Protein backbone atom coordinates (compact mmCIF):
# COMPACT_ATOMS: atom_id res chain seq x y z
CA MET A 1 -37.88 4.33 19.85
CA ASP A 2 -39.58 2.02 17.38
CA GLU A 3 -37.94 -1.10 15.94
CA LYS A 4 -37.27 0.48 12.53
CA THR A 5 -35.47 3.43 14.11
CA ARG A 6 -33.54 1.17 16.49
CA ASP A 7 -32.43 -0.96 13.52
CA ARG A 8 -31.34 2.10 11.53
CA VAL A 9 -29.40 3.58 14.46
CA GLY A 10 -27.78 0.19 15.08
CA ARG A 11 -26.71 -0.12 11.44
CA MET A 12 -25.32 3.41 11.42
CA GLU A 13 -23.49 2.81 14.70
CA ALA A 14 -21.90 -0.32 13.22
CA ALA A 15 -20.96 1.65 10.10
CA LEU A 16 -19.36 4.33 12.30
CA ASP A 17 -17.38 1.70 14.21
CA ARG A 18 -16.12 0.14 10.95
CA SER A 19 -15.28 3.56 9.52
CA ILE A 20 -13.31 4.57 12.61
CA ALA A 21 -11.36 1.29 12.57
CA ALA A 22 -10.68 1.49 8.81
CA THR A 23 -9.58 5.14 9.02
CA ALA A 24 -7.17 4.29 11.85
CA ALA A 25 -5.80 1.28 9.90
CA LEU A 26 -5.40 3.44 6.79
CA GLY A 27 -3.52 6.05 8.81
CA ARG A 28 -1.14 3.39 10.14
CA ALA A 29 -0.61 2.00 6.63
CA LEU A 30 0.07 5.48 5.24
CA ASP A 31 2.51 6.17 8.08
CA GLU A 32 4.35 2.96 7.18
CA MET A 33 4.44 3.83 3.48
CA GLU A 34 5.71 7.34 4.23
CA ALA A 35 8.46 5.88 6.43
CA LEU A 36 9.46 3.52 3.60
CA ARG A 37 9.57 6.12 0.83
CA GLU A 38 13.32 6.68 1.02
CA GLU A 39 14.00 2.93 0.97
CA MET A 40 11.57 2.38 -1.89
CA THR A 41 13.14 5.19 -3.89
CA ALA A 42 16.57 3.62 -3.42
CA LEU A 43 15.24 0.15 -4.30
CA PHE A 44 13.49 1.33 -7.45
CA ALA A 45 16.60 3.28 -8.54
CA TYR A 46 18.76 0.18 -7.92
CA TYR A 47 16.48 -2.02 -10.03
CA GLY A 48 17.81 -2.03 -13.59
CA SER A 49 20.89 0.04 -12.70
CA ALA A 50 24.45 -0.89 -13.67
CA GLU A 51 25.00 -2.07 -10.07
CA TRP A 52 21.93 -4.29 -10.26
CA PHE A 53 23.12 -5.89 -13.50
CA ALA A 54 26.60 -6.41 -12.01
CA ASP A 55 25.15 -7.92 -8.83
CA ARG A 56 23.09 -10.35 -10.88
CA GLU A 57 26.29 -11.78 -12.35
CA LEU A 58 27.88 -12.55 -8.97
CA PRO A 59 27.65 -16.05 -7.53
CA LEU A 60 25.32 -16.07 -4.54
CA PRO A 61 26.32 -17.80 -1.32
CA PRO A 62 23.97 -20.58 -0.25
CA GLY A 63 20.99 -19.40 1.77
CA ILE A 64 21.11 -15.74 0.75
CA ARG A 65 17.81 -14.21 -0.25
CA ALA A 66 18.17 -12.29 -3.49
CA GLY A 67 14.69 -11.82 -4.91
CA VAL A 68 15.70 -8.23 -5.57
CA LEU A 69 17.96 -9.56 -8.32
CA SER A 70 15.07 -11.20 -10.16
CA GLU A 71 13.36 -9.25 -12.87
CA ASP A 72 9.84 -9.99 -11.73
CA LEU A 73 9.67 -9.28 -7.98
CA VAL A 74 10.77 -5.64 -8.03
CA TYR A 75 8.89 -4.92 -11.25
CA ASP A 76 5.74 -6.45 -9.78
CA GLU A 77 6.16 -4.36 -6.62
CA ILE A 78 6.55 -1.18 -8.66
CA THR A 79 3.43 -2.06 -10.66
CA ASP A 80 1.44 -3.03 -7.56
CA LEU A 81 2.45 0.13 -5.70
CA ARG A 82 1.51 2.28 -8.67
CA GLY A 83 -1.87 0.56 -8.90
CA GLU A 84 -2.54 1.09 -5.20
CA ALA A 85 -1.49 4.73 -5.50
CA PHE A 86 -4.03 5.26 -8.30
CA ARG A 87 -6.62 3.43 -6.21
CA MET A 88 -5.90 5.74 -3.23
CA LEU A 89 -6.09 8.80 -5.47
CA THR A 90 -9.41 7.69 -6.94
CA LEU A 91 -10.90 6.90 -3.54
CA ALA A 92 -9.61 10.13 -2.01
CA THR A 93 -11.08 12.13 -4.88
CA GLU A 94 -14.45 10.40 -4.50
CA ILE A 95 -14.47 10.98 -0.72
CA LEU A 96 -13.63 14.65 -1.07
CA ARG A 97 -15.99 15.23 -4.00
CA ASP A 98 -19.00 13.33 -2.74
CA ARG A 99 -19.24 13.79 1.00
CA ILE A 100 -16.55 15.63 2.83
């Protein structure tokens, strides 16, 4: 095997290794997102609801985390999740259309 071929096979082997690792990591991330769907649905329904507005008016005990009662954190998560969903859809479409 000449040096050019050895280099090409080495690069492709490294690409395969990275692809296998990334596909496995993506699968784990998708499993986690699927497991969280029910919780996310409840969270996003709570945000802006009458209960959410009522909870925002209550005095908070010291030390309690209540970022969910802010306007920005949940909204930003909804926006970020939507953006990532479009990114996944675009990438999936390109993968299916172009190569697989």
